[in-house]
Amino acid sequence: YTTKYLDWVAGFSSDTTLGVFATLDNKRGYFDTKSGEVVIPAEYDRAWAFSEGLAAVAKDGKIGFINADNEVVIPFMFDCPKPGHMLDYVFHEGYCVINDLDGKCGAIDREGNWVLPQEYLYFERHECQDGCWTLVDSVGNMGLLDAQMNWICPLQYDKIRVLGYPEFIDLVDEGRMWREDAHGNVLIDFMYEYLNELSYPESLDENNDIDFHTYLGIVSNRVAEILKELV
């Protein structure tokens, strides 16, 4: 039994049996979840799940990446944000998103080289067929990257909805929504901007309480302009 020596243990990703554990003095290491054997001693201030053979660990305020043999693969050169501002620091298709102390995000490859600089507000990965990322710049513009961090849509859109990538992507700009595929071919040139739930009183129930009829209204800035012109 090890519970009296440990503070907690964490889950692990599907490509490894190594999980994270924390000692009572708040140090992190890794153990084999099948045998219970400690594989990497508790010598780190923070530790995250292994992904694609690497795991992010923190020591002396810096984040680096180790392999399953506890060898440092990417040096401790990234600032470690405070709890609540940390990311998951896992690799997807050879790339990992790293944020700085101010929360700005960038992406590195497996050698620790910057693929995208730390100048974006956030990244969001979409687990679709081929994998892709939406990201937002410092003024709120959205863009879209494929799994290899190549630009699909530049940073110029008000909103990007990833639903069926690579077959289709919904884009919003200047109050108009339309649909394209991953190659920039327009599939639908005009769509609604968003759905809004509308309701109105319809009848009284047996307790004399009002029954409301609810439906989804299709709303867009362009539709509003057309209706205004008709009125």
C-alpha atoms as a PDB file:
ATOM      1  CA  TYR A   1       0.000   0.000   0.000  1.00  0.00           C
ATOM      2  CA  THR A   2       1.390   3.373  -0.964  1.00  0.00           C
ATOM      3  CA  THR A   3      -1.438   5.817  -0.224  1.00  0.00           C
ATOM      4  CA  LYS A   4       0.051   7.040   3.077  1.00  0.00           C
ATOM      5  CA  TYR A   5       3.210   8.093   1.244  1.00  0.00           C
ATOM      6  CA  LEU A   6       1.474   9.813  -1.665  1.00  0.00           C
ATOM      7  CA  ASP A   7      -0.708  12.875  -1.941  1.00  0.00           C
ATOM      8  CA  TRP A   8      -2.397  11.895  -5.241  1.00  0.00           C
ATOM      9  CA  VAL A   9      -1.979  10.017  -8.500  1.00  0.00           C
ATOM     10  CA  ALA A  10      -3.204  11.095 -11.958  1.00  0.00           C
ATOM     11  CA  GLY A  11      -4.378   9.339 -15.080  1.00  0.00           C
ATOM     12  CA  PHE A  12      -2.306   8.709 -18.160  1.00  0.00           C
ATOM     13  CA  SER A  13      -2.660   8.967 -21.909  1.00  0.00           C
ATOM     14  CA  SER A  14      -3.488   6.012 -24.133  1.00  0.00           C
ATOM     15  CA  ASP A  15       0.035   5.705 -25.568  1.00  0.00           C
ATOM     16  CA  THR A  16       1.790   4.943 -22.260  1.00  0.00           C
ATOM     17  CA  THR A  17       1.311   3.204 -18.912  1.00  0.00           C
ATOM     18  CA  LEU A  18       3.132   5.940 -16.998  1.00  0.00           C
ATOM     19  CA  GLY A  19       1.041   8.055 -14.652  1.00  0.00           C
ATOM     20  CA  VAL A  20       1.929  11.038 -12.468  1.00  0.00           C
ATOM     21  CA  PHE A  21       2.089  10.876  -8.697  1.00  0.00           C
ATOM     22  CA  ALA A  22       2.703  13.543  -6.060  1.00  0.00           C
ATOM     23  CA  THR A  23       4.382  13.017  -2.703  1.00  0.00           C
ATOM     24  CA  LEU A  24       3.270  14.626   0.530  1.00  0.00           C
ATOM     25  CA  ASP A  25       5.994  17.258   0.144  1.00  0.00           C
ATOM     26  CA  ASN A  26       4.436  18.233  -3.213  1.00  0.00           C
ATOM     27  CA  LYS A  27       7.024  16.749  -5.573  1.00  0.00           C
ATOM     28  CA  ARG A  28       6.031  14.942  -8.780  1.00  0.00           C
ATOM     29  CA  GLY A  29       7.259  11.755 -10.412  1.00  0.00           C
ATOM     30  CA  TYR A  30       5.979   8.919 -12.608  1.00  0.00           C
ATOM     31  CA  PHE A  31       4.932   5.358 -11.830  1.00  0.00           C
ATOM     32  CA  ASP A  32       3.926   2.369 -13.927  1.00  0.00           C
ATOM     33  CA  THR A  33       0.157   2.113 -13.570  1.00  0.00           C
ATOM     34  CA  LYS A  34       0.234  -1.647 -14.201  1.00  0.00           C
ATOM     35  CA  SER A  35       2.929  -2.642 -11.711  1.00  0.00           C
ATOM     36  CA  GLY A  36       2.830   0.297  -9.294  1.00  0.00           C
ATOM     37  CA  GLU A  37       6.613   0.639  -9.619  1.00  0.00           C
ATOM     38  CA  VAL A  38       8.140   4.117  -9.464  1.00  0.00           C
ATOM     39  CA  VAL A  39       9.810   4.682 -12.829  1.00  0.00           C
ATOM     40  CA  ILE A  40      10.840   8.329 -12.475  1.00  0.00           C
ATOM     41  CA  PRO A  41      11.484   9.588  -8.932  1.00  0.00           C
ATOM     42  CA  ALA A  42       9.594  12.523  -7.457  1.00  0.00           C
ATOM     43  CA  GLU A  43      12.062  15.286  -8.269  1.00  0.00           C
ATOM     44  CA  TYR A  44       9.900  17.767 -10.190  1.00  0.00           C
ATOM     45  CA  ASP A  45       7.742  20.675  -9.022  1.00  0.00           C
ATOM     46  CA  ARG A  46       5.102  19.955 -11.702  1.00  0.00           C
ATOM     47  CA  ALA A  47       4.539  17.073 -14.103  1.00  0.00           C
ATOM     48  CA  TRP A  48       2.107  16.426 -16.931  1.00  0.00           C
ATOM     49  CA  ALA A  49       0.979  13.342 -18.863  1.00  0.00           C
ATOM     50  CA  PHE A  50       3.217  11.718 -21.440  1.00  0.00           C
ATOM     51  CA  SER A  51       2.281  12.334 -25.075  1.00  0.00           C
ATOM     52  CA  GLU A  52       4.087  11.040 -28.143  1.00  0.00           C
ATOM     53  CA  GLY A  53       6.922   9.823 -25.921  1.00  0.00           C
ATOM     54  CA  LEU A  54       7.535  13.106 -24.073  1.00  0.00           C
ATOM     55  CA  ALA A  55       6.261  14.655 -20.848  1.00  0.00           C
ATOM     56  CA  ALA A  56       6.407  18.247 -19.650  1.00  0.00           C
ATOM     57  CA  VAL A  57       7.931  18.733 -16.198  1.00  0.00           C
ATOM     58  CA  ALA A  58       8.747  21.865 -14.222  1.00  0.00           C
ATOM     59  CA  LYS A  59      11.734  22.615 -12.026  1.00  0.00           C
ATOM     60  CA  ASP A  60      12.877  25.941 -10.557  1.00  0.00           C
ATOM     61  CA  GLY A  61      10.112  27.828 -12.375  1.00  0.00           C
ATOM     62  CA  LYS A  62      10.917  26.471 -15.846  1.00  0.00           C
ATOM     63  CA  ILE A  63       9.252  23.814 -18.006  1.00  0.00           C
ATOM     64  CA  GLY A  64      11.169  21.238 -20.010  1.00  0.00           C
ATOM     65  CA  PHE A  65      10.366  17.853 -21.545  1.00  0.00           C
ATOM     66  CA  ILE A  66      11.697  14.429 -20.598  1.00  0.00           C
ATOM     67  CA  ASN A  67      11.380  10.939 -22.088  1.00  0.00           C
ATOM     68  CA  ALA A  68      10.385   7.730 -20.274  1.00  0.00           C
ATOM     69  CA  ASP A  69      14.013   7.211 -19.201  1.00  0.00           C
ATOM     70  CA  ASN A  70      13.976  10.577 -17.412  1.00  0.00           C
ATOM     71  CA  GLU A  71      16.354  12.072 -19.956  1.00  0.00           C
ATOM     72  CA  VAL A  72      15.884  15.757 -20.752  1.00  0.00           C
ATOM     73  CA  VAL A  73      14.938  16.015 -24.424  1.00  0.00           C
ATOM     74  CA  ILE A  74      13.881  19.673 -24.488  1.00  0.00           C
ATOM     75  CA  PRO A  75      15.762  21.869 -21.964  1.00  0.00           C
ATOM     76  CA  PHE A  76      14.097  23.733 -19.107  1.00  0.00           C
ATOM     77  CA  MET A  77      13.672  26.999 -20.976  1.00  0.00           C
ATOM     78  CA  PHE A  78       9.939  27.792 -20.872  1.00  0.00           C
ATOM     79  CA  ASP A  79       8.371  29.904 -18.131  1.00  0.00           C
ATOM     80  CA  CYS A  80       6.004  27.991 -15.845  1.00  0.00           C
ATOM     81  CA  PRO A  81       2.755  29.956 -15.334  1.00  0.00           C
ATOM     82  CA  LYS A  82       0.934  30.002 -12.017  1.00  0.00           C
ATOM     83  CA  PRO A  83      -1.691  27.309 -11.314  1.00  0.00           C
ATOM     84  CA  GLY A  84      -4.917  28.203 -13.066  1.00  0.00           C
ATOM     85  CA  HIS A  85      -3.039  29.578 -16.069  1.00  0.00           C
ATOM     86  CA  MET A  86      -1.275  26.349 -17.072  1.00  0.00           C
ATOM     87  CA  LEU A  87      -2.082  24.385 -20.211  1.00  0.00           C
ATOM     88  CA  ASP A  88      -1.915  20.603 -20.650  1.00  0.00           C
ATOM     89  CA  TYR A  89       1.477  20.789 -22.476  1.00  0.00           C
ATOM     90  CA  VAL A  90       0.903  17.688 -24.592  1.00  0.00           C
ATOM     91  CA  PHE A  91       2.034  16.978 -28.132  1.00  0.00           C
ATOM     92  CA  HIS A  92      -0.348  16.487 -31.048  1.00  0.00           C
ATOM     93  CA  GLU A  93       1.139  15.394 -34.361  1.00  0.00           C
ATOM     94  CA  GLY A  94       4.563  16.597 -33.163  1.00  0.00           C
ATOM     95  CA  TYR A  95       3.518  20.038 -31.869  1.00  0.00           C
ATOM     96  CA  CYS A  96       2.819  21.415 -28.410  1.00  0.00           C
ATOM     97  CA  VAL A  97       1.250  24.723 -27.336  1.00  0.00           C
ATOM     98  CA  ILE A  98       3.219  26.668 -24.701  1.00  0.00           C
ATOM     99  CA  ASN A  99       2.080  29.820 -22.905  1.00  0.00           C
ATOM    100  CA  ASP A 100       4.152  32.475 -21.143  1.00  0.00           C
ATOM    101  CA  LEU A 101       3.590  34.186 -17.795  1.00  0.00           C
ATOM    102  CA  ASP A 102       1.145  36.617 -19.401  1.00  0.00           C
ATOM    103  CA  GLY A 103      -0.852  33.792 -20.985  1.00  0.00           C
ATOM    104  CA  LYS A 104       0.271  34.409 -24.580  1.00  0.00           C
ATOM    105  CA  CYS A 105       0.520  31.153 -26.536  1.00  0.00           C
ATOM    106  CA  GLY A 106       2.852  29.768 -29.183  1.00  0.00           C
ATOM    107  CA  ALA A 107       3.727  26.317 -30.554  1.00  0.00           C
ATOM    108  CA  ILE A 108       6.950  24.275 -30.478  1.00  0.00           C
ATOM    109  CA  ASP A 109       8.064  21.115 -32.268  1.00  0.00           C
ATOM    110  CA  ARG A 110       9.618  18.024 -30.656  1.00  0.00           C
ATOM    111  CA  GLU A 111      13.070  19.640 -30.662  1.00  0.00           C
ATOM    112  CA  GLY A 112      11.813  22.676 -28.771  1.00  0.00           C
ATOM    113  CA  ASN A 113      11.965  25.004 -31.779  1.00  0.00           C
ATOM    114  CA  TRP A 114       9.304  27.673 -32.048  1.00  0.00           C
ATOM    115  CA  VAL A 115       6.937  26.982 -34.928  1.00  0.00           C
ATOM    116  CA  LEU A 116       4.644  29.864 -33.988  1.00  0.00           C
ATOM    117  CA  PRO A 117       5.747  32.664 -31.629  1.00  0.00           C
ATOM    118  CA  GLN A 118       4.111  33.329 -28.258  1.00  0.00           C
ATOM    119  CA  GLU A 119       1.852  36.131 -29.435  1.00  0.00           C
ATOM    120  CA  TYR A 120      -1.613  34.555 -29.558  1.00  0.00           C
ATOM    121  CA  LEU A 121      -4.383  34.797 -26.968  1.00  0.00           C
ATOM    122  CA  TYR A 122      -5.175  31.100 -27.172  1.00  0.00           C
ATOM    123  CA  PHE A 123      -5.158  27.934 -29.258  1.00  0.00           C
ATOM    124  CA  GLU A 124      -7.950  25.379 -29.395  1.00  0.00           C
ATOM    125  CA  ARG A 125      -7.426  21.914 -30.838  1.00  0.00           C
ATOM    126  CA  HIS A 126     -10.319  20.222 -32.635  1.00  0.00           C
ATOM    127  CA  GLU A 127     -10.369  16.433 -32.598  1.00  0.00           C
ATOM    128  CA  CYS A 128     -11.857  16.071 -36.060  1.00  0.00           C
ATOM    129  CA  GLN A 129     -10.858  13.693 -38.857  1.00  0.00           C
ATOM    130  CA  ASP A 130      -7.477  15.257 -39.661  1.00  0.00           C
ATOM    131  CA  GLY A 131      -7.072  17.454 -36.587  1.00  0.00           C
ATOM    132  CA  CYS A 132      -6.827  21.246 -36.693  1.00  0.00           C
ATOM    133  CA  TRP A 133      -6.396  24.311 -34.496  1.00  0.00           C
ATOM    134  CA  THR A 134      -8.275  27.567 -34.184  1.00  0.00           C
ATOM    135  CA  LEU A 135      -6.354  30.466 -32.666  1.00  0.00           C
ATOM    136  CA  VAL A 136      -6.981  34.078 -31.758  1.00  0.00           C
ATOM    137  CA  ASP A 137      -4.583  36.984 -32.094  1.00  0.00           C
ATOM    138  CA  SER A 138      -4.130  39.916 -29.718  1.00  0.00           C
ATOM    139  CA  VAL A 139      -7.010  41.921 -31.232  1.00  0.00           C
ATOM    140  CA  GLY A 140      -9.499  39.040 -31.368  1.00  0.00           C
ATOM    141  CA  ASN A 141      -9.171  37.880 -34.971  1.00  0.00           C
ATOM    142  CA  MET A 142      -9.505  34.127 -35.508  1.00  0.00           C
ATOM    143  CA  GLY A 143      -7.529  31.864 -37.852  1.00  0.00           C
ATOM    144  CA  LEU A 144      -7.302  28.149 -38.604  1.00  0.00           C
ATOM    145  CA  LEU A 145      -4.292  25.803 -38.797  1.00  0.00           C
ATOM    146  CA  ASP A 146      -4.095  22.193 -39.921  1.00  0.00           C
ATOM    147  CA  ALA A 147      -2.487  19.467 -37.802  1.00  0.00           C
ATOM    148  CA  GLN A 148       0.984  20.344 -39.207  1.00  0.00           C
ATOM    149  CA  MET A 149       0.560  24.011 -38.210  1.00  0.00           C
ATOM    150  CA  ASN A 150       0.020  25.190 -41.788  1.00  0.00           C
ATOM    151  CA  TRP A 151      -2.406  28.053 -42.287  1.00  0.00           C
ATOM    152  CA  ILE A 152      -5.794  27.123 -43.722  1.00  0.00           C
ATOM    153  CA  CYS A 153      -7.554  30.402 -42.895  1.00  0.00           C
ATOM    154  CA  PRO A 154      -5.541  33.548 -42.063  1.00  0.00           C
ATOM    155  CA  LEU A 155      -6.081  35.620 -38.930  1.00  0.00           C
ATOM    156  CA  GLN A 156      -8.885  37.838 -40.204  1.00  0.00           C
ATOM    157  CA  TYR A 157     -12.213  36.305 -39.194  1.00  0.00           C
ATOM    158  CA  ASP A 158     -14.631  37.299 -36.435  1.00  0.00           C
ATOM    159  CA  LYS A 159     -15.437  33.646 -35.781  1.00  0.00           C
ATOM    160  CA  ILE A 160     -14.573  30.194 -37.124  1.00  0.00           C
ATOM    161  CA  ARG A 161     -16.729  27.159 -36.398  1.00  0.00           C
ATOM    162  CA  VAL A 162     -15.085  23.788 -36.957  1.00  0.00           C
ATOM    163  CA  LEU A 163     -17.803  21.178 -37.422  1.00  0.00           C
ATOM    164  CA  GLY A 164     -16.934  18.925 -40.349  1.00  0.00           C
ATOM    165  CA  TYR A 165     -13.308  19.764 -41.203  1.00  0.00           C
ATOM    166  CA  PRO A 166     -11.841  19.142 -43.759  1.00  0.00           C
ATOM    167  CA  GLU A 167     -15.144  18.838 -45.605  1.00  0.00           C
ATOM    168  CA  PHE A 168     -16.449  22.201 -44.408  1.00  0.00           C
ATOM    169  CA  ILE A 169     -15.661  25.148 -42.136  1.00  0.00           C
ATOM    170  CA  ASP A 170     -18.071  27.934 -41.168  1.00  0.00           C
ATOM    171  CA  LEU A 171     -16.586  31.439 -41.267  1.00  0.00           C
ATOM    172  CA  VAL A 172     -17.986  34.703 -39.911  1.00  0.00           C
ATOM    173  CA  ASP A 173     -16.716  38.117 -40.958  1.00  0.00           C
ATOM    174  CA  GLU A 174     -18.410  41.536 -40.859  1.00  0.00           C
ATOM    175  CA  GLY A 175     -21.721  40.006 -39.794  1.00  0.00           C
ATOM    176  CA  ARG A 176     -21.904  37.417 -42.581  1.00  0.00           C
ATOM    177  CA  MET A 177     -21.484  33.664 -42.245  1.00  0.00           C
ATOM    178  CA  TRP A 178     -20.567  31.348 -45.097  1.00  0.00           C
ATOM    179  CA  ARG A 179     -19.165  27.841 -45.524  1.00  0.00           C
ATOM    180  CA  GLU A 180     -15.936  26.726 -47.227  1.00  0.00           C
ATOM    181  CA  ASP A 181     -13.942  23.524 -47.423  1.00  0.00           C
ATOM    182  CA  ALA A 182     -10.313  23.228 -46.308  1.00  0.00           C
ATOM    183  CA  HIS A 183      -9.122  24.278 -49.775  1.00  0.00           C
ATOM    184  CA  GLY A 184     -10.967  27.609 -49.725  1.00  0.00           C
ATOM    185  CA  ASN A 185     -13.774  26.552 -52.053  1.00  0.00           C
ATOM    186  CA  VAL A 186     -17.052  28.259 -51.134  1.00  0.00           C
ATOM    187  CA  LEU A 187     -19.760  25.671 -50.475  1.00  0.00           C
ATOM    188  CA  ILE A 188     -22.509  27.993 -49.196  1.00  0.00           C
ATOM    189  CA  ASP A 189     -22.051  31.698 -49.818  1.00  0.00           C
ATOM    190  CA  PHE A 190     -24.543  32.946 -47.224  1.00  0.00           C
ATOM    191  CA  MET A 191     -25.716  31.444 -43.913  1.00  0.00           C
ATOM    192  CA  TYR A 192     -27.246  32.664 -40.686  1.00  0.00           C
ATOM    193  CA  GLU A 193     -24.893  34.241 -38.163  1.00  0.00           C
ATOM    194  CA  TYR A 194     -26.260  32.516 -35.055  1.00  0.00           C
ATOM    195  CA  LEU A 195     -29.350  30.852 -33.596  1.00  0.00           C
ATOM    196  CA  ASN A 196     -31.376  32.630 -30.943  1.00  0.00           C
ATOM    197  CA  GLU A 197     -34.066  31.057 -28.784  1.00  0.00           C
ATOM    198  CA  LEU A 198     -37.299  33.058 -29.001  1.00  0.00           C
ATOM    199  CA  SER A 199     -40.462  32.486 -26.998  1.00  0.00           C
ATOM    200  CA  TYR A 200     -43.920  34.045 -26.673  1.00  0.00           C
ATOM    201  CA  PRO A 201     -46.992  33.399 -24.450  1.00  0.00           C
ATOM    202  CA  GLU A 202     -49.289  30.874 -26.115  1.00  0.00           C
ATOM    203  CA  SER A 203     -51.935  29.796 -23.605  1.00  0.00           C
ATOM    204  CA  LEU A 204     -52.836  29.265 -19.947  1.00  0.00           C
ATOM    205  CA  ASP A 205     -52.466  25.866 -18.292  1.00  0.00           C
ATOM    206  CA  GLU A 206     -54.858  24.365 -15.739  1.00  0.00           C
ATOM    207  CA  ASN A 207     -53.227  26.390 -12.953  1.00  0.00           C
ATOM    208  CA  ASN A 208     -53.612  29.612 -14.959  1.00  0.00           C
ATOM    209  CA  ASP A 209     -49.859  29.753 -15.517  1.00  0.00           C
ATOM    210  CA  ILE A 210     -48.685  30.982 -18.886  1.00  0.00           C
ATOM    211  CA  ASP A 211     -47.434  28.395 -21.373  1.00  0.00           C
ATOM    212  CA  PHE A 212     -44.696  29.725 -23.603  1.00  0.00           C
ATOM    213  CA  HIS A 213     -44.043  28.539 -27.138  1.00  0.00           C
ATOM    214  CA  THR A 214     -40.324  28.382 -27.837  1.00  0.00           C
ATOM    215  CA  TYR A 215     -38.594  28.108 -31.183  1.00  0.00           C
ATOM    216  CA  LEU A 216     -35.201  28.829 -32.688  1.00  0.00           C
ATOM    217  CA  GLY A 217     -34.930  31.981 -34.720  1.00  0.00           C
ATOM    218  CA  ILE A 218     -32.299  32.352 -37.420  1.00  0.00           C
ATOM    219  CA  VAL A 219     -30.563  35.677 -37.004  1.00  0.00           C
ATOM    220  CA  SER A 220     -27.924  37.502 -38.987  1.00  0.00           C
ATOM    221  CA  ASN A 221     -26.885  41.113 -39.368  1.00  0.00           C
ATOM    222  CA  ARG A 222     -27.664  40.967 -43.074  1.00  0.00           C
ATOM    223  CA  VAL A 223     -31.178  39.631 -42.446  1.00  0.00           C
ATOM    224  CA  ALA A 224     -31.745  42.438 -39.960  1.00  0.00           C
ATOM    225  CA  GLU A 225     -30.675  44.977 -42.568  1.00  0.00           C
ATOM    226  CA  ILE A 226     -33.030  43.487 -45.178  1.00  0.00           C
ATOM    227  CA  LEU A 227     -35.979  43.526 -42.752  1.00  0.00           C
ATOM    228  CA  LYS A 228     -35.223  47.126 -41.847  1.00  0.00           C
ATOM    229  CA  GLU A 229     -35.280  48.078 -45.524  1.00  0.00           C
ATOM    230  CA  LEU A 230     -38.634  46.313 -46.026  1.00  0.00           C
ATOM    231  CA  VAL A 231     -40.189  48.130 -43.090  1.00  0.00           C
END
